[in-house]
Structures are given as C-alpha cells and as structure tokens.
Amino acid sequence: MENLIDAGIFSSSIRIMTPILLAALGGILCARASVFNIALEGFMLNGCFFAILVVDKIGHPWVGLLGGILSGVLISLIYGVLVVKYNADAIVVGVGINLLALGLTTYLLKAIYGVSG
C-alpha cells in the first residue's frame, strides 16, 4: 500500500508554508501588543526584494539577509510611527504600506532588472 503522504510533497509543503507561518507569528505578536497590523505582506515583499537586490549587487547571501532585515525594519518603523505616534488608522496605513511595497518593488524591478515579473 502506498503512503498517503508523499515525502516530496510533505517537505515542499513545509518549505512553502514557512514564510506564511512566520508572517502569521508576526501578526500574533502584533495582536498581543494591541496593534492591528495588516501590512505584514508589504513588509515581506519589501524585505525579500531588497534582500535579493543586495545579494545581486554585493554577492554575499548573509549581507543580503541583513539588507532585507534593514529594509523590513525601516518600513516597519514608518508603519509604527504613523499608527502609534500619529494615531493613524491601522487598516488604512496597512493597505497603504502594502500598495507602496507592491508599487515600489514593481517599479524597481522594471528599472533595475528590465523585467516586469
């Protein structure tokens, strides 16, 4: 009798699920701090793009990881200042961050690499 769960499908599911799981854990952490954060997708998109950009320009993956972390911290700082300090609506700022990340990465991808997707 064949296994109902193929090892290749299971391992690829875990690999694909990891970024989404980490974003969900970040959302839980924000909820525990009483901050409603829907900008997590924008944080991830921004961090991933700048990590790849730094790896492409410098060539070292650990420096690329640092670049992705720093860009994520910067955009999170913008979100935090707008929501916590200026009492902006968290949903509006979250949607704005998501749209900013989508537009910025699309524009920079076309400007730097000459591709649109």
PDB file of N, CA and C in Angstrom:
ATOM      1  N   MET A   1       0.840  -1.174   0.000  1.00  0.00           N
ATOM      2  CA  MET A   1       0.000   0.000   0.000  1.00  0.00           C
ATOM      3  C   MET A   1       0.889   1.242   0.000  1.00  0.00           C
ATOM      4  N   GLU A   2       0.539   2.190  -0.855  1.00  0.00           N
ATOM      5  CA  GLU A   2       1.335   3.417  -0.960  1.00  0.00           C
ATOM      6  C   GLU A   2       1.079   4.334   0.230  1.00  0.00           C
ATOM      7  N   ASN A   3       2.085   5.129   0.526  1.00  0.00           N
ATOM      8  CA  ASN A   3       1.899   6.139   1.572  1.00  0.00           C
ATOM      9  C   ASN A   3       0.944   7.203   1.066  1.00  0.00           C
ATOM     10  N   LEU A   4       0.052   7.624   1.936  1.00  0.00           N
ATOM     11  CA  LEU A   4      -0.872   8.672   1.544  1.00  0.00           C
ATOM     12  C   LEU A   4      -0.185  10.023   1.458  1.00  0.00           C
ATOM     13  N   ILE A   5       0.890  10.191   2.220  1.00  0.00           N
ATOM     14  CA  ILE A   5       1.645  11.438   2.188  1.00  0.00           C
ATOM     15  C   ILE A   5       2.996  11.147   1.557  1.00  0.00           C
ATOM     16  N   ASP A   6       3.211  11.694   0.391  1.00  0.00           N
ATOM     17  CA  ASP A   6       4.487  11.545  -0.287  1.00  0.00           C
ATOM     18  C   ASP A   6       5.513  12.439   0.399  1.00  0.00           C
ATOM     19  N   ALA A   7       6.711  11.948   0.580  1.00  0.00           N
ATOM     20  CA  ALA A   7       7.748  12.704   1.290  1.00  0.00           C
ATOM     21  C   ALA A   7       8.096  13.991   0.557  1.00  0.00           C
ATOM     22  N   GLY A   8       8.102  13.969  -0.772  1.00  0.00           N
ATOM     23  CA  GLY A   8       8.412  15.171  -1.546  1.00  0.00           C
ATOM     24  C   GLY A   8       7.348  16.237  -1.404  1.00  0.00           C
ATOM     25  N   ILE A   9       6.096  15.824  -1.420  1.00  0.00           N
ATOM     26  CA  ILE A   9       5.002  16.788  -1.262  1.00  0.00           C
ATOM     27  C   ILE A   9       5.013  17.359   0.146  1.00  0.00           C
ATOM     28  N   PHE A  10       5.260  16.527   1.130  1.00  0.00           N
ATOM     29  CA  PHE A  10       5.273  16.985   2.515  1.00  0.00           C
ATOM     30  C   PHE A  10       6.403  17.981   2.756  1.00  0.00           C
ATOM     31  N   SER A  11       7.592  17.668   2.278  1.00  0.00           N
ATOM     32  CA  SER A  11       8.729  18.569   2.504  1.00  0.00           C
ATOM     33  C   SER A  11       8.563  19.879   1.745  1.00  0.00           C
ATOM     34  N   SER A  12       8.013  19.828   0.532  1.00  0.00           N
ATOM     35  CA  SER A  12       7.795  21.078  -0.196  1.00  0.00           C
ATOM     36  C   SER A  12       6.680  21.898   0.435  1.00  0.00           C
ATOM     37  N   SER A  13       5.696  21.248   1.026  1.00  0.00           N
ATOM     38  CA  SER A  13       4.640  21.986   1.726  1.00  0.00           C
ATOM     39  C   SER A  13       5.200  22.729   2.923  1.00  0.00           C
ATOM     40  N   ILE A  14       6.070  22.084   3.671  1.00  0.00           N
ATOM     41  CA  ILE A  14       6.705  22.737   4.813  1.00  0.00           C
ATOM     42  C   ILE A  14       7.563  23.909   4.346  1.00  0.00           C
ATOM     43  N   ARG A  15       8.295  23.730   3.261  1.00  0.00           N
ATOM     44  CA  ARG A  15       9.160  24.788   2.743  1.00  0.00           C
ATOM     45  C   ARG A  15       8.348  25.984   2.273  1.00  0.00           C
ATOM     46  N   ILE A  16       7.241  25.741   1.596  1.00  0.00           N
ATOM     47  CA  ILE A  16       6.410  26.832   1.092  1.00  0.00           C
ATOM     48  C   ILE A  16       5.637  27.502   2.222  1.00  0.00           C
ATOM     49  N   MET A  17       5.280  26.761   3.235  1.00  0.00           N
ATOM     50  CA  MET A  17       4.479  27.282   4.328  1.00  0.00           C
ATOM     51  C   MET A  17       5.279  28.172   5.282  1.00  0.00           C
ATOM     52  N   THR A  18       6.579  28.044   5.336  1.00  0.00           N
ATOM     53  CA  THR A  18       7.394  28.725   6.330  1.00  0.00           C
ATOM     54  C   THR A  18       7.257  30.246   6.302  1.00  0.00           C
ATOM     55  N   PRO A  19       7.364  30.938   5.152  1.00  0.00           N
ATOM     56  CA  PRO A  19       7.208  32.405   5.193  1.00  0.00           C
ATOM     57  C   PRO A  19       5.824  32.848   5.658  1.00  0.00           C
ATOM     58  N   ILE A  20       4.794  32.127   5.259  1.00  0.00           N
ATOM     59  CA  ILE A  20       3.440  32.479   5.672  1.00  0.00           C
ATOM     60  C   ILE A  20       3.276  32.250   7.172  1.00  0.00           C
ATOM     61  N   LEU A  21       3.860  31.185   7.674  1.00  0.00           N
ATOM     62  CA  LEU A  21       3.805  30.910   9.102  1.00  0.00           C
ATOM     63  C   LEU A  21       4.535  31.983   9.904  1.00  0.00           C
ATOM     64  N   LEU A  22       5.682  32.426   9.420  1.00  0.00           N
ATOM     65  CA  LEU A  22       6.417  33.480  10.114  1.00  0.00           C
ATOM     66  C   LEU A  22       5.644  34.794  10.113  1.00  0.00           C
ATOM     67  N   ALA A  23       4.975  35.116   9.001  1.00  0.00           N
ATOM     68  CA  ALA A  23       4.143  36.319   8.966  1.00  0.00           C
ATOM     69  C   ALA A  23       2.965  36.194   9.922  1.00  0.00           C
ATOM     70  N   ALA A  24       2.377  35.009  10.016  1.00  0.00           N
ATOM     71  CA  ALA A  24       1.276  34.798  10.955  1.00  0.00           C
ATOM     72  C   ALA A  24       1.752  34.948  12.398  1.00  0.00           C
ATOM     73  N   LEU A  25       2.950  34.468  12.692  1.00  0.00           N
ATOM     74  CA  LEU A  25       3.502  34.652  14.039  1.00  0.00           C
ATOM     75  C   LEU A  25       3.759  36.131  14.335  1.00  0.00           C
ATOM     76  N   GLY A  26       4.201  36.873  13.321  1.00  0.00           N
ATOM     77  CA  GLY A  26       4.359  38.315  13.495  1.00  0.00           C
ATOM     78  C   GLY A  26       3.023  38.994  13.739  1.00  0.00           C
ATOM     79  N   GLY A  27       1.977  38.541  13.058  1.00  0.00           N
ATOM     80  CA  GLY A  27       0.639  39.084  13.286  1.00  0.00           C
ATOM     81  C   GLY A  27       0.138  38.794  14.685  1.00  0.00           C
ATOM     82  N   ILE A  28       0.428  37.603  15.182  1.00  0.00           N
ATOM     83  CA  ILE A  28       0.035  37.267  16.555  1.00  0.00           C
ATOM     84  C   ILE A  28       0.777  38.147  17.556  1.00  0.00           C
ATOM     85  N   LEU A  29       2.056  38.377  17.305  1.00  0.00           N
ATOM     86  CA  LEU A  29       2.836  39.240  18.187  1.00  0.00           C
ATOM     87  C   LEU A  29       2.280  40.663  18.183  1.00  0.00           C
ATOM     88  N   CYS A  30       1.905  41.164  17.009  1.00  0.00           N
ATOM     89  CA  CYS A  30       1.305  42.499  16.926  1.00  0.00           C
ATOM     90  C   CYS A  30      -0.037  42.536  17.642  1.00  0.00           C
ATOM     91  N   ALA A  31      -0.823  41.490  17.515  1.00  0.00           N
ATOM     92  CA  ALA A  31      -2.115  41.443  18.196  1.00  0.00           C
ATOM     93  C   ALA A  31      -1.934  41.436  19.706  1.00  0.00           C
ATOM     94  N   ARG A  32      -0.910  40.755  20.197  1.00  0.00           N
ATOM     95  CA  ARG A  32      -0.636  40.747  21.640  1.00  0.00           C
ATOM     96  C   ARG A  32      -0.207  42.132  22.138  1.00  0.00           C
ATOM     97  N   ALA A  33       0.375  42.934  21.238  1.00  0.00           N
ATOM     98  CA  ALA A  33       0.784  44.292  21.589  1.00  0.00           C
ATOM     99  C   ALA A  33      -0.326  45.301  21.307  1.00  0.00           C
ATOM    100  N   SER A  34      -1.521  44.821  20.978  1.00  0.00           N
ATOM    101  CA  SER A  34      -2.703  45.648  20.696  1.00  0.00           C
ATOM    102  C   SER A  34      -2.517  46.559  19.494  1.00  0.00           C
ATOM    103  N   VAL A  35      -1.795  46.079  18.483  1.00  0.00           N
ATOM    104  CA  VAL A  35      -1.636  46.802  17.222  1.00  0.00           C
ATOM    105  C   VAL A  35      -2.176  45.911  16.126  1.00  0.00           C
ATOM    106  N   PHE A  36      -3.172  46.407  15.402  1.00  0.00           N
ATOM    107  CA  PHE A  36      -3.749  45.641  14.305  1.00  0.00           C
ATOM    108  C   PHE A  36      -2.902  45.898  13.075  1.00  0.00           C
ATOM    109  N   ASN A  37      -2.205  44.878  12.599  1.00  0.00           N
ATOM    110  CA  ASN A  37      -1.227  45.053  11.534  1.00  0.00           C
ATOM    111  C   ASN A  37      -1.586  44.180  10.338  1.00  0.00           C
ATOM    112  N   ILE A  38      -2.061  44.816   9.268  1.00  0.00           N
ATOM    113  CA  ILE A  38      -2.309  44.064   8.042  1.00  0.00           C
ATOM    114  C   ILE A  38      -1.237  44.350   6.991  1.00  0.00           C
ATOM    115  N   ALA A  39      -0.179  45.047   7.386  1.00  0.00           N
ATOM    116  CA  ALA A  39       0.886  45.398   6.461  1.00  0.00           C
ATOM    117  C   ALA A  39       1.986  44.348   6.407  1.00  0.00           C
ATOM    118  N   LEU A  40       1.759  43.188   6.997  1.00  0.00           N
ATOM    119  CA  LEU A  40       2.811  42.169   7.053  1.00  0.00           C
ATOM    120  C   LEU A  40       3.214  41.680   5.667  1.00  0.00           C
ATOM    121  N   GLU A  41       2.270  41.603   4.753  1.00  0.00           N
ATOM    122  CA  GLU A  41       2.595  41.186   3.391  1.00  0.00           C
ATOM    123  C   GLU A  41       3.507  42.211   2.713  1.00  0.00           C
ATOM    124  N   GLY A  42       3.251  43.481   2.948  1.00  0.00           N
ATOM    125  CA  GLY A  42       4.114  44.528   2.400  1.00  0.00           C
ATOM    126  C   GLY A  42       5.506  44.491   2.994  1.00  0.00           C
ATOM    127  N   PHE A  43       5.585  44.195   4.303  1.00  0.00           N
ATOM    128  CA  PHE A  43       6.897  44.057   4.941  1.00  0.00           C
ATOM    129  C   PHE A  43       7.685  42.915   4.304  1.00  0.00           C
ATOM    130  N   MET A  44       7.001  41.787   4.084  1.00  0.00           N
ATOM    131  CA  MET A  44       7.676  40.626   3.499  1.00  0.00           C
ATOM    132  C   MET A  44       8.121  40.907   2.060  1.00  0.00           C
ATOM    133  N   LEU A  45       7.249  41.526   1.272  1.00  0.00           N
ATOM    134  CA  LEU A  45       7.583  41.821  -0.123  1.00  0.00           C
ATOM    135  C   LEU A  45       8.760  42.778  -0.202  1.00  0.00           C
ATOM    136  N   ASN A  46       8.746  43.795   0.617  1.00  0.00           N
ATOM    137  CA  ASN A  46       9.827  44.770   0.641  1.00  0.00           C
ATOM    138  C   ASN A  46      11.144  44.125   1.088  1.00  0.00           C
ATOM    139  N   GLY A  47      11.094  43.357   2.156  1.00  0.00           N
ATOM    140  CA  GLY A  47      12.300  42.701   2.650  1.00  0.00           C
ATOM    141  C   GLY A  47      12.891  41.713   1.655  1.00  0.00           C
ATOM    142  N   CYS A  48      12.032  40.936   1.014  1.00  0.00           N
ATOM    143  CA  CYS A  48      12.510  39.961   0.021  1.00  0.00           C
ATOM    144  C   CYS A  48      13.152  40.647  -1.173  1.00  0.00           C
ATOM    145  N   PHE A  49      12.510  41.710  -1.660  1.00  0.00           N
ATOM    146  CA  PHE A  49      13.074  42.397  -2.827  1.00  0.00           C
ATOM    147  C   PHE A  49      14.440  42.981  -2.511  1.00  0.00           C
ATOM    148  N   PHE A  50      14.552  43.676  -1.394  1.00  0.00           N
ATOM    149  CA  PHE A  50      15.832  44.306  -1.082  1.00  0.00           C
ATOM    150  C   PHE A  50      16.902  43.292  -0.687  1.00  0.00           C
ATOM    151  N   ALA A  51      16.514  42.157  -0.151  1.00  0.00           N
ATOM    152  CA  ALA A  51      17.493  41.099   0.115  1.00  0.00           C
ATOM    153  C   ALA A  51      18.082  40.578  -1.198  1.00  0.00           C
ATOM    154  N   ILE A  52      17.224  40.335  -2.180  1.00  0.00           N
ATOM    155  CA  ILE A  52      17.704  39.877  -3.483  1.00  0.00           C
ATOM    156  C   ILE A  52      18.544  40.945  -4.167  1.00  0.00           C
ATOM    157  N   LEU A  53      18.131  42.198  -4.043  1.00  0.00           N
ATOM    158  CA  LEU A  53      18.892  43.296  -4.650  1.00  0.00           C
ATOM    159  C   LEU A  53      20.292  43.385  -4.053  1.00  0.00           C
ATOM    160  N   VAL A  54      20.395  43.277  -2.741  1.00  0.00           N
ATOM    161  CA  VAL A  54      21.708  43.363  -2.077  1.00  0.00           C
ATOM    162  C   VAL A  54      22.564  42.158  -2.447  1.00  0.00           C
ATOM    163  N   VAL A  55      21.972  40.975  -2.499  1.00  0.00           N
ATOM    164  CA  VAL A  55      22.742  39.787  -2.899  1.00  0.00           C
ATOM    165  C   VAL A  55      23.240  39.936  -4.331  1.00  0.00           C
ATOM    166  N   ASP A  56      22.392  40.488  -5.204  1.00  0.00           N
ATOM    167  CA  ASP A  56      22.792  40.666  -6.600  1.00  0.00           C
ATOM    168  C   ASP A  56      23.931  41.674  -6.728  1.00  0.00           C
ATOM    169  N   LYS A  57      23.885  42.734  -5.969  1.00  0.00           N
ATOM    170  CA  LYS A  57      24.911  43.782  -6.089  1.00  0.00           C
ATOM    171  C   LYS A  57      26.192  43.446  -5.336  1.00  0.00           C
ATOM    172  N   ILE A  58      26.070  42.810  -4.171  1.00  0.00           N
ATOM    173  CA  ILE A  58      27.252  42.531  -3.352  1.00  0.00           C
ATOM    174  C   ILE A  58      27.746  41.102  -3.553  1.00  0.00           C
ATOM    175  N   GLY A  59      26.820  40.153  -3.649  1.00  0.00           N
ATOM    176  CA  GLY A  59      27.201  38.784  -3.915  1.00  0.00           C
ATOM    177  C   GLY A  59      27.312  37.892  -2.700  1.00  0.00           C
ATOM    178  N   HIS A  60      27.014  38.396  -1.540  1.00  0.00           N
ATOM    179  CA  HIS A  60      27.122  37.591  -0.327  1.00  0.00           C
ATOM    180  C   HIS A  60      25.738  37.428   0.282  1.00  0.00           C
ATOM    181  N   PRO A  61      25.287  36.186   0.506  1.00  0.00           N
ATOM    182  CA  PRO A  61      23.910  35.982   0.982  1.00  0.00           C
ATOM    183  C   PRO A  61      23.648  36.505   2.384  1.00  0.00           C
ATOM    184  N   TRP A  62      24.644  36.498   3.266  1.00  0.00           N
ATOM    185  CA  TRP A  62      24.408  36.994   4.626  1.00  0.00           C
ATOM    186  C   TRP A  62      24.236  38.503   4.637  1.00  0.00           C
ATOM    187  N   VAL A  63      24.959  39.189   3.771  1.00  0.00           N
ATOM    188  CA  VAL A  63      24.779  40.636   3.650  1.00  0.00           C
ATOM    189  C   VAL A  63      23.417  40.933   3.031  1.00  0.00           C
ATOM    190  N   GLY A  64      22.978  40.075   2.105  1.00  0.00           N
ATOM    191  CA  GLY A  64      21.638  40.217   1.542  1.00  0.00           C
ATOM    192  C   GLY A  64      20.555  40.033   2.587  1.00  0.00           C
ATOM    193  N   LEU A  65      20.752  39.073   3.481  1.00  0.00           N
ATOM    194  CA  LEU A  65      19.812  38.878   4.581  1.00  0.00           C
ATOM    195  C   LEU A  65      19.765  40.117   5.467  1.00  0.00           C
ATOM    196  N   LEU A  66      20.911  40.691   5.745  1.00  0.00           N
ATOM    197  CA  LEU A  66      20.963  41.917   6.539  1.00  0.00           C
ATOM    198  C   LEU A  66      20.250  43.065   5.825  1.00  0.00           C
ATOM    199  N   GLY A  67      20.413  43.158   4.507  1.00  0.00           N
ATOM    200  CA  GLY A  67      19.721  44.195   3.733  1.00  0.00           C
ATOM    201  C   GLY A  67      18.212  44.020   3.776  1.00  0.00           C
ATOM    202  N   GLY A  68      17.746  42.784   3.688  1.00  0.00           N
ATOM    203  CA  GLY A  68      16.314  42.521   3.792  1.00  0.00           C
ATOM    204  C   GLY A  68      15.776  42.861   5.169  1.00  0.00           C
ATOM    205  N   ILE A  69      16.535  42.530   6.200  1.00  0.00           N
ATOM    206  CA  ILE A  69      16.122  42.844   7.567  1.00  0.00           C
ATOM    207  C   ILE A  69      16.059  44.358   7.766  1.00  0.00           C
ATOM    208  N   LEU A  70      17.067  45.073   7.292  1.00  0.00           N
ATOM    209  CA  LEU A  70      17.090  46.521   7.473  1.00  0.00           C
ATOM    210  C   LEU A  70      15.953  47.204   6.714  1.00  0.00           C
ATOM    211  N   SER A  71      15.642  46.734   5.523  1.00  0.00           N
ATOM    212  CA  SER A  71      14.528  47.340   4.792  1.00  0.00           C
ATOM    213  C   SER A  71      13.196  47.025   5.469  1.00  0.00           C
ATOM    214  N   GLY A  72      13.069  45.832   6.024  1.00  0.00           N
ATOM    215  CA  GLY A  72      11.858  45.498   6.773  1.00  0.00           C
ATOM    216  C   GLY A  72      11.725  46.331   8.030  1.00  0.00           C
ATOM    217  N   VAL A  73      12.833  46.573   8.711  1.00  0.00           N
ATOM    218  CA  VAL A  73      12.812  47.409   9.910  1.00  0.00           C
ATOM    219  C   VAL A  73      12.440  48.845   9.547  1.00  0.00           C
ATOM    220  N   LEU A  74      12.961  49.340   8.440  1.00  0.00           N
ATOM    221  CA  LEU A  74      12.666  50.714   8.027  1.00  0.00           C
ATOM    222  C   LEU A  74      11.186  50.900   7.714  1.00  0.00           C
ATOM    223  N   ILE A  75      10.606  50.004   6.944  1.00  0.00           N
ATOM    224  CA  ILE A  75       9.194  50.148   6.601  1.00  0.00           C
ATOM    225  C   ILE A  75       8.307  49.860   7.809  1.00  0.00           C
ATOM    226  N   SER A  76       8.745  49.000   8.718  1.00  0.00           N
ATOM    227  CA  SER A  76       8.006  48.784   9.967  1.00  0.00           C
ATOM    228  C   SER A  76       8.065  50.016  10.850  1.00  0.00           C
ATOM    229  N   LEU A  77       9.185  50.712  10.832  1.00  0.00           N
ATOM    230  CA  LEU A  77       9.313  51.954  11.588  1.00  0.00           C
ATOM    231  C   LEU A  77       8.350  53.013  11.056  1.00  0.00           C
ATOM    232  N   ILE A  78       8.230  53.091   9.742  1.00  0.00           N
ATOM    233  CA  ILE A  78       7.268  54.020   9.140  1.00  0.00           C
ATOM    234  C   ILE A  78       5.857  53.667   9.581  1.00  0.00           C
ATOM    235  N   TYR A  79       5.514  52.394   9.531  1.00  0.00           N
ATOM    236  CA  TYR A  79       4.193  51.944   9.961  1.00  0.00           C
ATOM    237  C   TYR A  79       3.966  52.264  11.438  1.00  0.00           C
ATOM    238  N   GLY A  80       4.930  51.966  12.257  1.00  0.00           N
ATOM    239  CA  GLY A  80       4.790  52.196  13.693  1.00  0.00           C
ATOM    240  C   GLY A  80       4.638  53.663  14.047  1.00  0.00           C
ATOM    241  N   VAL A  81       5.405  54.517  13.401  1.00  0.00           N
ATOM    242  CA  VAL A  81       5.301  55.949  13.678  1.00  0.00           C
ATOM    243  C   VAL A  81       3.929  56.468  13.274  1.00  0.00           C
ATOM    244  N   LEU A  82       3.451  56.057  12.110  1.00  0.00           N
ATOM    245  CA  LEU A  82       2.147  56.535  11.657  1.00  0.00           C
ATOM    246  C   LEU A  82       1.009  56.043  12.542  1.00  0.00           C
ATOM    247  N   VAL A  83       1.064  54.785  12.959  1.00  0.00           N
ATOM    248  CA  VAL A  83      -0.041  54.214  13.724  1.00  0.00           C
ATOM    249  C   VAL A  83       0.036  54.588  15.202  1.00  0.00           C
ATOM    250  N   VAL A  84       1.208  54.473  15.797  1.00  0.00           N
ATOM    251  CA  VAL A  84       1.318  54.669  17.240  1.00  0.00           C
ATOM    252  C   VAL A  84       1.468  56.154  17.600  1.00  0.00           C
ATOM    253  N   LYS A  85       2.371  56.846  16.929  1.00  0.00           N
ATOM    254  CA  LYS A  85       2.636  58.236  17.305  1.00  0.00           C
ATOM    255  C   LYS A  85       1.559  59.191  16.787  1.00  0.00           C
ATOM    256  N   TYR A  86       1.171  59.042  15.519  1.00  0.00           N
ATOM    257  CA  TYR A  86       0.220  59.979  14.921  1.00  0.00           C
ATOM    258  C   TYR A  86      -1.218  59.475  14.936  1.00  0.00           C
ATOM    259  N   ASN A  87      -1.465  58.325  15.557  1.00  0.00           N
ATOM    260  CA  ASN A  87      -2.806  57.745  15.702  1.00  0.00           C
ATOM    261  C   ASN A  87      -3.556  57.604  14.378  1.00  0.00           C
ATOM    262  N   ALA A  88      -2.849  57.250  13.328  1.00  0.00           N
ATOM    263  CA  ALA A  88      -3.492  56.998  12.047  1.00  0.00           C
ATOM    264  C   ALA A  88      -4.224  55.660  12.110  1.00  0.00           C
ATOM    265  N   ASP A  89      -5.210  55.497  11.265  1.00  0.00           N
ATOM    266  CA  ASP A  89      -5.969  54.247  11.228  1.00  0.00           C
ATOM    267  C   ASP A  89      -5.051  53.119  10.747  1.00  0.00           C
ATOM    268  N   ALA A  90      -4.993  52.048  11.518  1.00  0.00           N
ATOM    269  CA  ALA A  90      -4.070  50.945  11.224  1.00  0.00           C
ATOM    270  C   ALA A  90      -4.423  50.253   9.914  1.00  0.00           C
ATOM    271  N   ILE A  91      -5.688  50.158   9.596  1.00  0.00           N
ATOM    272  CA  ILE A  91      -6.086  49.482   8.353  1.00  0.00           C
ATOM    273  C   ILE A  91      -5.683  50.313   7.143  1.00  0.00           C
ATOM    274  N   VAL A  92      -5.909  51.625   7.216  1.00  0.00           N
ATOM    275  CA  VAL A  92      -5.554  52.499   6.096  1.00  0.00           C
ATOM    276  C   VAL A  92      -4.042  52.517   5.886  1.00  0.00           C
ATOM    277  N   VAL A  93      -3.300  52.617   6.967  1.00  0.00           N
ATOM    278  CA  VAL A  93      -1.839  52.626   6.855  1.00  0.00           C
ATOM    279  C   VAL A  93      -1.334  51.267   6.367  1.00  0.00           C
ATOM    280  N   GLY A  94      -1.945  50.179   6.835  1.00  0.00           N
ATOM    281  CA  GLY A  94      -1.551  48.846   6.383  1.00  0.00           C
ATOM    282  C   GLY A  94      -1.787  48.637   4.896  1.00  0.00           C
ATOM    283  N   VAL A  95      -2.941  49.073   4.421  1.00  0.00           N
ATOM    284  CA  VAL A  95      -3.221  48.973   2.982  1.00  0.00           C
ATOM    285  C   VAL A  95      -2.260  49.864   2.201  1.00  0.00           C
ATOM    286  N   GLY A  96      -1.978  51.045   2.741  1.00  0.00           N
ATOM    287  CA  GLY A  96      -1.025  51.942   2.074  1.00  0.00           C
ATOM    288  C   GLY A  96       0.374  51.348   2.000  1.00  0.00           C
ATOM    289  N   ILE A  97       0.817  50.710   3.075  1.00  0.00           N
ATOM    290  CA  ILE A  97       2.138  50.062   3.072  1.00  0.00           C
ATOM    291  C   ILE A  97       2.158  48.916   2.059  1.00  0.00           C
ATOM    292  N   ASN A  98       1.086  48.133   2.017  1.00  0.00           N
ATOM    293  CA  ASN A  98       1.024  47.035   1.052  1.00  0.00           C
ATOM    294  C   ASN A  98       1.079  47.561  -0.381  1.00  0.00           C
ATOM    295  N   LEU A  99       0.321  48.620  -0.664  1.00  0.00           N
ATOM    296  CA  LEU A  99       0.336  49.188  -2.010  1.00  0.00           C
ATOM    297  C   LEU A  99       1.685  49.838  -2.327  1.00  0.00           C
ATOM    298  N   LEU A 100       2.286  50.484  -1.333  1.00  0.00           N
ATOM    299  CA  LEU A 100       3.611  51.070  -1.528  1.00  0.00           C
ATOM    300  C   LEU A 100       4.646  49.992  -1.842  1.00  0.00           C
ATOM    301  N   ALA A 101       4.618  48.912  -1.100  1.00  0.00           N
ATOM    302  CA  ALA A 101       5.576  47.824  -1.339  1.00  0.00           C
ATOM    303  C   ALA A 101       5.360  47.200  -2.708  1.00  0.00           C
ATOM    304  N   LEU A 102       4.105  46.989  -3.086  1.00  0.00           N
ATOM    305  CA  LEU A 102       3.812  46.409  -4.397  1.00  0.00           C
ATOM    306  C   LEU A 102       4.267  47.331  -5.518  1.00  0.00           C
ATOM    307  N   GLY A 103       3.940  48.607  -5.416  1.00  0.00           N
ATOM    308  CA  GLY A 103       4.334  49.554  -6.457  1.00  0.00           C
ATOM    309  C   GLY A 103       5.832  49.774  -6.512  1.00  0.00           C
ATOM    310  N   LEU A 104       6.462  49.885  -5.343  1.00  0.00           N
ATOM    311  CA  LEU A 104       7.902  50.131  -5.301  1.00  0.00           C
ATOM    312  C   LEU A 104       8.696  48.958  -5.859  1.00  0.00           C
ATOM    313  N   THR A 105       8.322  47.756  -5.463  1.00  0.00           N
ATOM    314  CA  THR A 105       9.059  46.597  -5.976  1.00  0.00           C
ATOM    315  C   THR A 105       8.812  46.390  -7.464  1.00  0.00           C
ATOM    316  N   THR A 106       7.599  46.652  -7.937  1.00  0.00           N
ATOM    317  CA  THR A 106       7.316  46.528  -9.369  1.00  0.00           C
ATOM    318  C   THR A 106       8.110  47.552 -10.161  1.00  0.00           C
ATOM    319  N   TYR A 107       8.135  48.787  -9.690  1.00  0.00           N
ATOM    320  CA  TYR A 107       8.879  49.845 -10.375  1.00  0.00           C
ATOM    321  C   TYR A 107      10.375  49.562 -10.375  1.00  0.00           C
ATOM    322  N   LEU A 108      10.927  49.215  -9.225  1.00  0.00           N
ATOM    323  CA  LEU A 108      12.363  48.964  -9.143  1.00  0.00           C
ATOM    324  C   LEU A 108      12.781  47.715  -9.906  1.00  0.00           C
ATOM    325  N   LEU A 109      11.906  46.713  -9.947  1.00  0.00           N
ATOM    326  CA  LEU A 109      12.209  45.516 -10.723  1.00  0.00           C
ATOM    327  C   LEU A 109      12.337  45.859 -12.205  1.00  0.00           C
ATOM    328  N   LYS A 110      11.423  46.707 -12.695  1.00  0.00           N
ATOM    329  CA  LYS A 110      11.487  47.127 -14.098  1.00  0.00           C
ATOM    330  C   LYS A 110      12.671  48.053 -14.331  1.00  0.00           C
ATOM    331  N   ALA A 111      12.941  48.985 -13.400  1.00  0.00           N
ATOM    332  CA  ALA A 111      14.023  49.953 -13.592  1.00  0.00           C
ATOM    333  C   ALA A 111      15.408  49.324 -13.472  1.00  0.00           C
ATOM    334  N   ILE A 112      15.574  48.392 -12.554  1.00  0.00           N
ATOM    335  CA  ILE A 112      16.913  47.835 -12.296  1.00  0.00           C
ATOM    336  C   ILE A 112      17.191  46.636 -13.194  1.00  0.00           C
ATOM    337  N   TYR A 113      16.235  45.714 -13.284  1.00  0.00           N
ATOM    338  CA  TYR A 113      16.479  44.467 -13.990  1.00  0.00           C
ATOM    339  C   TYR A 113      15.845  44.399 -15.374  1.00  0.00           C
ATOM    340  N   GLY A 114      14.954  45.325 -15.684  1.00  0.00           N
ATOM    341  CA  GLY A 114      14.341  45.362 -17.002  1.00  0.00           C
ATOM    342  C   GLY A 114      13.277  44.307 -17.236  1.00  0.00           C
ATOM    343  N   VAL A 115      12.764  43.728 -16.176  1.00  0.00           N
ATOM    344  CA  VAL A 115      11.699  42.733 -16.285  1.00  0.00           C
ATOM    345  C   VAL A 115      10.492  43.212 -15.486  1.00  0.00           C
ATOM    346  N   SER A 116       9.328  42.670 -15.816  1.00  0.00           N
ATOM    347  CA  SER A 116       8.121  43.130 -15.119  1.00  0.00           C
ATOM    348  C   SER A 116       7.522  42.076 -14.213  1.00  0.00           C
ATOM    349  N   GLY A 117       8.179  40.967 -14.022  1.00  0.00           N
ATOM    350  CA  GLY A 117       7.601  39.979 -13.127  1.00  0.00           C
ATOM    351  C   GLY A 117       8.471  38.776 -12.965  1.00  0.00           C
TER     352      GLY A 117
END
